[in-house]
Amino acid sequence: MPRAEPSRYMPKPTPETAPFWEGTRAGELRLQRCDYCSHVYFPPRPFCPKCSGRTVSWFNASGRGSLYSYIISHRPMPGFTPPYSIAVVELDEGPRMMTNIVECPQTPDALQLDMPVEVVFLELSNEIHLPQFRPTQVSQ
C-alpha cells in the first residue's frame, strides 16, 4: 500500500464513521444500508437519508463502480503532485463518493466518464487508509 506525504489533509474518524475507517484499514470499502427500506448510502450517518430510519447496518461493498464526474487540477496542494484528478465515483451499490482516480494518466483521454473503476487504499497513517479508485484491470 503506498504511503502519502505527511502534509496531506488527515480525516478525523467519529463514532459514526469508525466502522468505515476500520474497514479501510482491513482493505474493505464498507457502506451502510437501512434495515427498513434497504437504501444504501454514503457518507456514514446514524440514520437513513431516504426514510429517516434509525436501524442501519454496515456491509462490505464490492469496491467497484464507474467514473461519474471529474476535474483535473493543475494547482499544487499539500500531498498532491499536479496534475491530479478530483472525481466522483458512482459505486455499483448506488452511492456516489468523492475521491481521486489513480494509477493512470491524468488526462481527458485516460479519464473517460462511465469507465469502470475499482477501489485501492492510500495509507495516510496507521489509522487512516483513504479509498481511491483506479481503472478496472480488464482480464483478457
N, C-alpha and C. Protein backbone atom coordinates (compact mmCIF):
# COMPACT_ATOMS: atom_id res chain seq x y z
N MET A 1 0.84 -1.17 0.00
CA MET A 1 0.00 0.00 0.00
C MET A 1 0.89 1.24 0.00
N PRO A 2 0.69 2.18 -0.95
CA PRO A 2 1.51 3.39 -0.95
C PRO A 2 1.22 4.25 0.27
N ARG A 3 2.20 5.03 0.68
CA ARG A 3 2.03 5.91 1.83
C ARG A 3 2.08 7.36 1.34
N ALA A 4 1.15 8.18 1.81
CA ALA A 4 1.05 9.58 1.37
C ALA A 4 2.07 10.45 2.07
N GLU A 5 2.31 11.61 1.48
CA GLU A 5 3.15 12.60 2.14
C GLU A 5 2.48 13.01 3.44
N PRO A 6 3.25 13.32 4.50
CA PRO A 6 2.64 13.65 5.78
C PRO A 6 1.88 14.96 5.78
N SER A 7 2.07 15.81 4.78
CA SER A 7 1.42 17.11 4.77
C SER A 7 -0.02 17.06 4.26
N ARG A 8 -0.47 15.92 3.78
CA ARG A 8 -1.82 15.82 3.23
C ARG A 8 -2.87 15.90 4.34
N TYR A 9 -4.03 16.45 4.01
CA TYR A 9 -5.13 16.55 4.95
C TYR A 9 -5.46 15.18 5.54
N MET A 10 -5.70 15.13 6.84
CA MET A 10 -5.96 13.87 7.53
C MET A 10 -7.41 13.85 8.04
N PRO A 11 -8.25 12.94 7.50
CA PRO A 11 -9.61 12.83 8.03
C PRO A 11 -9.60 12.45 9.51
N LYS A 12 -10.64 12.87 10.23
CA LYS A 12 -10.75 12.56 11.64
C LYS A 12 -11.98 11.67 11.86
N PRO A 13 -11.74 10.39 12.20
CA PRO A 13 -12.88 9.50 12.45
C PRO A 13 -13.75 9.99 13.60
N THR A 14 -15.03 9.71 13.49
CA THR A 14 -16.01 10.00 14.54
C THR A 14 -16.65 8.67 14.93
N PRO A 15 -17.44 8.63 15.99
CA PRO A 15 -18.12 7.37 16.32
C PRO A 15 -18.97 6.84 15.16
N GLU A 16 -19.57 7.73 14.38
CA GLU A 16 -20.41 7.30 13.25
C GLU A 16 -19.59 6.75 12.09
N THR A 17 -18.36 7.24 11.92
CA THR A 17 -17.54 6.81 10.78
C THR A 17 -16.50 5.75 11.14
N ALA A 18 -16.36 5.43 12.43
CA ALA A 18 -15.33 4.47 12.86
C ALA A 18 -15.39 3.14 12.10
N PRO A 19 -16.57 2.52 11.89
CA PRO A 19 -16.60 1.26 11.14
C PRO A 19 -16.10 1.41 9.69
N PHE A 20 -16.33 2.56 9.08
CA PHE A 20 -15.84 2.82 7.74
C PHE A 20 -14.31 2.79 7.74
N TRP A 21 -13.68 3.53 8.67
CA TRP A 21 -12.22 3.60 8.73
C TRP A 21 -11.61 2.27 9.17
N GLU A 22 -12.28 1.52 10.04
CA GLU A 22 -11.80 0.18 10.39
C GLU A 22 -11.77 -0.70 9.14
N GLY A 23 -12.79 -0.56 8.30
CA GLY A 23 -12.84 -1.32 7.05
C GLY A 23 -11.72 -0.95 6.11
N THR A 24 -11.45 0.33 5.96
CA THR A 24 -10.39 0.73 5.03
C THR A 24 -9.04 0.18 5.48
N ARG A 25 -8.81 0.15 6.80
CA ARG A 25 -7.55 -0.43 7.30
C ARG A 25 -7.46 -1.91 6.97
N ALA A 26 -8.61 -2.58 6.87
CA ALA A 26 -8.64 -4.01 6.53
C ALA A 26 -8.71 -4.24 5.02
N GLY A 27 -8.65 -3.15 4.23
CA GLY A 27 -8.74 -3.28 2.78
C GLY A 27 -10.15 -3.51 2.28
N GLU A 28 -11.14 -3.04 3.05
CA GLU A 28 -12.56 -3.21 2.70
C GLU A 28 -13.23 -1.85 2.60
N LEU A 29 -14.09 -1.70 1.60
CA LEU A 29 -14.90 -0.50 1.47
C LEU A 29 -16.26 -0.83 2.09
N ARG A 30 -16.56 -0.24 3.23
CA ARG A 30 -17.80 -0.53 3.95
C ARG A 30 -18.81 0.59 3.75
N LEU A 31 -20.05 0.19 3.51
CA LEU A 31 -21.16 1.13 3.35
C LEU A 31 -22.25 0.79 4.35
N GLN A 32 -23.21 1.69 4.48
CA GLN A 32 -24.36 1.44 5.34
C GLN A 32 -25.60 1.18 4.50
N ARG A 33 -26.49 0.35 5.05
CA ARG A 33 -27.77 0.04 4.43
C ARG A 33 -28.85 0.16 5.50
N CYS A 34 -29.95 0.80 5.13
CA CYS A 34 -31.09 0.93 6.03
C CYS A 34 -31.76 -0.44 6.18
N ASP A 35 -31.97 -0.86 7.41
CA ASP A 35 -32.63 -2.14 7.65
C ASP A 35 -34.12 -2.09 7.35
N TYR A 36 -34.68 -0.89 7.25
CA TYR A 36 -36.11 -0.75 6.99
C TYR A 36 -36.41 -0.68 5.48
N CYS A 37 -35.74 0.24 4.76
CA CYS A 37 -36.07 0.44 3.34
C CYS A 37 -35.00 -0.09 2.38
N SER A 38 -33.89 -0.59 2.90
CA SER A 38 -32.78 -1.18 2.13
C SER A 38 -31.97 -0.17 1.33
N HIS A 39 -32.16 1.11 1.57
CA HIS A 39 -31.39 2.14 0.88
C HIS A 39 -29.93 2.07 1.31
N VAL A 40 -29.01 2.08 0.34
CA VAL A 40 -27.57 2.10 0.60
C VAL A 40 -27.08 3.53 0.43
N TYR A 41 -26.26 3.99 1.37
CA TYR A 41 -25.85 5.39 1.32
C TYR A 41 -24.42 5.61 1.81
N PHE A 42 -23.89 6.77 1.42
CA PHE A 42 -22.60 7.28 1.85
C PHE A 42 -22.71 8.79 1.78
N PRO A 43 -22.14 9.54 2.71
CA PRO A 43 -21.27 9.16 3.81
C PRO A 43 -22.04 8.56 4.99
N PRO A 44 -21.29 7.93 5.92
CA PRO A 44 -21.93 7.29 7.07
C PRO A 44 -22.68 8.29 7.95
N ARG A 45 -23.79 7.82 8.48
CA ARG A 45 -24.57 8.59 9.46
C ARG A 45 -25.47 7.62 10.22
N PRO A 46 -25.99 8.02 11.36
CA PRO A 46 -26.74 7.07 12.20
C PRO A 46 -28.20 6.88 11.79
N PHE A 47 -28.60 7.46 10.66
CA PHE A 47 -29.99 7.32 10.20
C PHE A 47 -30.02 7.27 8.68
N CYS A 48 -31.08 6.73 8.12
CA CYS A 48 -31.23 6.63 6.68
C CYS A 48 -31.62 7.98 6.09
N PRO A 49 -30.89 8.49 5.09
CA PRO A 49 -31.25 9.77 4.49
C PRO A 49 -32.52 9.69 3.63
N LYS A 50 -32.97 8.48 3.31
CA LYS A 50 -34.17 8.32 2.48
C LYS A 50 -35.45 8.27 3.32
N CYS A 51 -35.45 7.43 4.38
CA CYS A 51 -36.68 7.25 5.16
C CYS A 51 -36.54 7.69 6.61
N SER A 52 -35.36 8.14 7.01
CA SER A 52 -35.03 8.55 8.38
C SER A 52 -35.02 7.40 9.37
N GLY A 53 -35.01 6.16 8.87
CA GLY A 53 -34.92 5.01 9.76
C GLY A 53 -33.64 5.04 10.57
N ARG A 54 -33.75 4.60 11.81
CA ARG A 54 -32.59 4.65 12.71
C ARG A 54 -31.92 3.29 12.90
N THR A 55 -32.39 2.26 12.20
CA THR A 55 -31.77 0.95 12.27
C THR A 55 -31.03 0.72 10.96
N VAL A 56 -29.71 0.83 11.03
CA VAL A 56 -28.89 0.70 9.83
C VAL A 56 -27.79 -0.32 10.10
N SER A 57 -27.29 -0.95 9.03
CA SER A 57 -26.25 -1.97 9.14
C SER A 57 -25.10 -1.63 8.21
N TRP A 58 -23.91 -2.10 8.58
CA TRP A 58 -22.72 -1.97 7.75
C TRP A 58 -22.55 -3.24 6.94
N PHE A 59 -22.02 -3.12 5.71
CA PHE A 59 -21.70 -4.28 4.90
C PHE A 59 -20.48 -3.96 4.03
N ASN A 60 -19.80 -4.99 3.57
CA ASN A 60 -18.65 -4.82 2.68
C ASN A 60 -19.15 -4.64 1.26
N ALA A 61 -18.85 -3.49 0.68
CA ALA A 61 -19.22 -3.21 -0.70
C ALA A 61 -18.26 -3.92 -1.65
N SER A 62 -18.62 -3.96 -2.91
CA SER A 62 -17.79 -4.63 -3.91
C SER A 62 -16.49 -3.89 -4.19
N GLY A 63 -16.48 -2.58 -3.94
CA GLY A 63 -15.29 -1.78 -4.27
C GLY A 63 -15.22 -1.42 -5.75
N ARG A 64 -16.31 -1.65 -6.46
CA ARG A 64 -16.34 -1.36 -7.90
C ARG A 64 -17.39 -0.27 -8.18
N GLY A 65 -17.15 0.44 -9.27
CA GLY A 65 -18.08 1.48 -9.67
C GLY A 65 -17.70 2.02 -11.02
N SER A 66 -18.18 3.23 -11.31
CA SER A 66 -17.86 3.88 -12.58
C SER A 66 -17.60 5.36 -12.33
N LEU A 67 -16.78 5.93 -13.20
CA LEU A 67 -16.42 7.34 -13.08
C LEU A 67 -17.63 8.18 -13.49
N TYR A 68 -18.17 8.93 -12.54
CA TYR A 68 -19.37 9.73 -12.77
C TYR A 68 -19.02 11.14 -13.25
N SER A 69 -17.98 11.74 -12.63
CA SER A 69 -17.59 13.11 -12.97
C SER A 69 -16.17 13.34 -12.46
N TYR A 70 -15.48 14.32 -13.03
CA TYR A 70 -14.13 14.64 -12.55
C TYR A 70 -13.68 15.99 -13.07
N ILE A 71 -12.64 16.50 -12.43
CA ILE A 71 -11.85 17.62 -12.96
C ILE A 71 -10.39 17.21 -12.83
N ILE A 72 -9.55 17.82 -13.61
CA ILE A 72 -8.11 17.62 -13.49
C ILE A 72 -7.54 18.93 -12.96
N SER A 73 -6.94 18.85 -11.78
CA SER A 73 -6.37 20.04 -11.16
C SER A 73 -4.88 20.12 -11.47
N HIS A 74 -4.44 21.33 -11.80
CA HIS A 74 -3.02 21.58 -12.05
C HIS A 74 -2.45 22.47 -10.95
N ARG A 75 -3.23 22.67 -9.91
CA ARG A 75 -2.82 23.53 -8.80
C ARG A 75 -2.09 22.72 -7.74
N PRO A 76 -0.90 23.15 -7.33
CA PRO A 76 -0.19 22.43 -6.27
C PRO A 76 -0.97 22.50 -4.96
N MET A 77 -1.09 21.37 -4.30
CA MET A 77 -1.73 21.28 -2.99
C MET A 77 -0.90 20.34 -2.13
N PRO A 78 -0.87 20.55 -0.81
CA PRO A 78 -0.10 19.63 0.04
C PRO A 78 -0.56 18.19 -0.14
N GLY A 79 0.40 17.31 -0.42
CA GLY A 79 0.09 15.90 -0.58
C GLY A 79 -0.29 15.49 -1.99
N PHE A 80 -0.35 16.43 -2.92
CA PHE A 80 -0.74 16.13 -4.31
C PHE A 80 0.33 16.67 -5.25
N THR A 81 0.63 15.91 -6.28
CA THR A 81 1.53 16.36 -7.33
C THR A 81 0.71 16.59 -8.59
N PRO A 82 0.63 17.84 -9.07
CA PRO A 82 -0.17 18.10 -10.27
C PRO A 82 0.40 17.39 -11.50
N PRO A 83 -0.43 17.04 -12.46
CA PRO A 83 -1.89 17.12 -12.39
C PRO A 83 -2.46 15.92 -11.62
N TYR A 84 -3.62 16.13 -11.00
CA TYR A 84 -4.32 15.07 -10.27
C TYR A 84 -5.82 15.26 -10.47
N SER A 85 -6.53 14.16 -10.39
CA SER A 85 -7.98 14.23 -10.60
C SER A 85 -8.71 14.34 -9.26
N ILE A 86 -9.78 15.09 -9.28
CA ILE A 86 -10.76 15.13 -8.20
C ILE A 86 -12.02 14.60 -8.84
N ALA A 87 -12.51 13.47 -8.33
CA ALA A 87 -13.54 12.74 -9.06
C ALA A 87 -14.71 12.36 -8.16
N VAL A 88 -15.81 12.03 -8.82
CA VAL A 88 -16.96 11.42 -8.16
C VAL A 88 -17.15 10.06 -8.83
N VAL A 89 -17.15 9.01 -8.01
CA VAL A 89 -17.37 7.65 -8.49
C VAL A 89 -18.75 7.21 -8.03
N GLU A 90 -19.50 6.63 -8.94
CA GLU A 90 -20.78 6.02 -8.58
C GLU A 90 -20.52 4.55 -8.32
N LEU A 91 -20.69 4.14 -7.07
CA LEU A 91 -20.43 2.76 -6.68
C LEU A 91 -21.50 1.84 -7.25
N ASP A 92 -21.13 0.58 -7.48
CA ASP A 92 -22.10 -0.40 -8.01
C ASP A 92 -23.31 -0.53 -7.08
N GLU A 93 -23.12 -0.26 -5.80
CA GLU A 93 -24.21 -0.36 -4.83
C GLU A 93 -25.13 0.87 -4.83
N GLY A 94 -24.75 1.94 -5.57
CA GLY A 94 -25.62 3.09 -5.72
C GLY A 94 -25.07 4.42 -5.26
N PRO A 95 -24.46 4.53 -4.07
CA PRO A 95 -23.99 5.84 -3.63
C PRO A 95 -22.86 6.38 -4.49
N ARG A 96 -22.68 7.68 -4.42
CA ARG A 96 -21.56 8.35 -5.07
C ARG A 96 -20.57 8.79 -4.01
N MET A 97 -19.28 8.74 -4.37
CA MET A 97 -18.22 9.05 -3.43
C MET A 97 -17.21 9.97 -4.10
N MET A 98 -16.84 11.06 -3.42
CA MET A 98 -15.78 11.93 -3.92
C MET A 98 -14.45 11.27 -3.62
N THR A 99 -13.51 11.34 -4.58
CA THR A 99 -12.28 10.57 -4.47
C THR A 99 -11.26 11.10 -5.47
N ASN A 100 -10.20 10.35 -5.65
CA ASN A 100 -9.21 10.61 -6.70
C ASN A 100 -9.11 9.36 -7.56
N ILE A 101 -8.81 9.57 -8.84
CA ILE A 101 -8.54 8.45 -9.75
C ILE A 101 -7.01 8.37 -9.85
N VAL A 102 -6.48 7.19 -9.61
CA VAL A 102 -5.03 7.00 -9.56
C VAL A 102 -4.62 5.87 -10.51
N GLU A 103 -3.32 5.71 -10.65
CA GLU A 103 -2.73 4.63 -11.46
C GLU A 103 -3.10 4.72 -12.94
N CYS A 104 -3.27 5.94 -13.43
CA CYS A 104 -3.49 6.17 -14.86
C CYS A 104 -3.12 7.61 -15.17
N PRO A 105 -2.87 7.92 -16.44
CA PRO A 105 -2.57 9.32 -16.80
C PRO A 105 -3.73 10.23 -16.39
N GLN A 106 -3.40 11.40 -15.94
CA GLN A 106 -4.41 12.36 -15.52
C GLN A 106 -4.75 13.28 -16.70
N THR A 107 -5.38 12.67 -17.72
CA THR A 107 -5.74 13.36 -18.94
C THR A 107 -7.18 13.01 -19.31
N PRO A 108 -7.84 13.88 -20.09
CA PRO A 108 -9.20 13.55 -20.54
C PRO A 108 -9.26 12.27 -21.38
N ASP A 109 -8.18 11.95 -22.10
CA ASP A 109 -8.18 10.71 -22.89
C ASP A 109 -8.21 9.48 -21.99
N ALA A 110 -7.53 9.54 -20.85
CA ALA A 110 -7.47 8.39 -19.95
C ALA A 110 -8.66 8.33 -19.00
N LEU A 111 -9.19 9.48 -18.62
CA LEU A 111 -10.30 9.54 -17.65
C LEU A 111 -11.62 9.69 -18.41
N GLN A 112 -12.18 8.59 -18.80
CA GLN A 112 -13.42 8.57 -19.57
C GLN A 112 -14.62 8.40 -18.65
N LEU A 113 -15.62 9.25 -18.81
CA LEU A 113 -16.84 9.11 -18.00
C LEU A 113 -17.43 7.72 -18.21
N ASP A 114 -17.97 7.16 -17.15
CA ASP A 114 -18.59 5.83 -17.11
C ASP A 114 -17.58 4.68 -17.18
N MET A 115 -16.26 4.98 -17.21
CA MET A 115 -15.30 3.87 -17.23
C MET A 115 -15.36 3.13 -15.91
N PRO A 116 -15.19 1.81 -15.95
CA PRO A 116 -15.21 1.04 -14.71
C PRO A 116 -13.97 1.30 -13.87
N VAL A 117 -14.18 1.40 -12.56
CA VAL A 117 -13.08 1.63 -11.62
C VAL A 117 -13.21 0.69 -10.43
N GLU A 118 -12.09 0.53 -9.72
CA GLU A 118 -12.07 -0.31 -8.52
C GLU A 118 -11.28 0.41 -7.43
N VAL A 119 -11.62 0.10 -6.19
CA VAL A 119 -11.01 0.78 -5.05
C VAL A 119 -9.60 0.28 -4.79
N VAL A 120 -8.74 1.20 -4.37
CA VAL A 120 -7.42 0.92 -3.82
C VAL A 120 -7.29 1.85 -2.61
N PHE A 121 -6.40 1.53 -1.71
CA PHE A 121 -6.31 2.31 -0.48
C PHE A 121 -4.94 2.96 -0.34
N LEU A 122 -4.95 4.26 -0.02
CA LEU A 122 -3.73 5.02 0.22
C LEU A 122 -3.56 5.16 1.73
N GLU A 123 -2.45 4.66 2.25
CA GLU A 123 -2.19 4.72 3.69
C GLU A 123 -1.70 6.12 4.06
N LEU A 124 -2.56 6.89 4.73
CA LEU A 124 -2.16 8.22 5.20
C LEU A 124 -1.46 8.12 6.56
N SER A 125 -1.88 7.14 7.35
CA SER A 125 -1.29 6.88 8.67
C SER A 125 -1.64 5.44 9.03
N ASN A 126 -1.21 5.00 10.21
CA ASN A 126 -1.59 3.65 10.65
C ASN A 126 -3.10 3.53 10.82
N GLU A 127 -3.76 4.63 11.12
CA GLU A 127 -5.21 4.63 11.38
C GLU A 127 -6.05 4.92 10.14
N ILE A 128 -5.54 5.73 9.23
CA ILE A 128 -6.34 6.20 8.09
C ILE A 128 -5.78 5.67 6.78
N HIS A 129 -6.59 4.86 6.11
CA HIS A 129 -6.29 4.38 4.75
C HIS A 129 -7.40 4.93 3.87
N LEU A 130 -7.04 5.81 2.97
CA LEU A 130 -8.01 6.56 2.17
C LEU A 130 -8.41 5.79 0.91
N PRO A 131 -9.72 5.58 0.69
CA PRO A 131 -10.12 4.91 -0.55
C PRO A 131 -9.94 5.84 -1.75
N GLN A 132 -9.28 5.32 -2.77
CA GLN A 132 -9.14 5.98 -4.06
C GLN A 132 -9.52 4.94 -5.10
N PHE A 133 -9.62 5.35 -6.34
CA PHE A 133 -10.05 4.41 -7.37
C PHE A 133 -9.10 4.44 -8.55
N ARG A 134 -8.97 3.29 -9.20
CA ARG A 134 -8.14 3.16 -10.40
C ARG A 134 -9.00 2.49 -11.47
N PRO A 135 -8.62 2.67 -12.74
CA PRO A 135 -9.35 1.96 -13.80
C PRO A 135 -9.32 0.46 -13.52
N THR A 136 -10.44 -0.19 -13.74
CA THR A 136 -10.53 -1.64 -13.52
C THR A 136 -9.61 -2.36 -14.47
N GLN A 137 -8.86 -3.30 -13.93
CA GLN A 137 -7.97 -4.11 -14.75
C GLN A 137 -8.82 -5.09 -15.55
N VAL A 138 -8.74 -5.01 -16.86
CA VAL A 138 -9.53 -5.88 -17.73
C VAL A 138 -8.73 -7.14 -17.99
N SER A 139 -9.32 -8.29 -17.65
CA SER A 139 -8.63 -9.55 -17.91
C SER A 139 -8.92 -10.00 -19.35
N GLN A 140 -7.91 -10.57 -19.97
CA GLN A 140 -8.03 -10.97 -21.38
C GLN A 140 -8.46 -12.40 -21.49
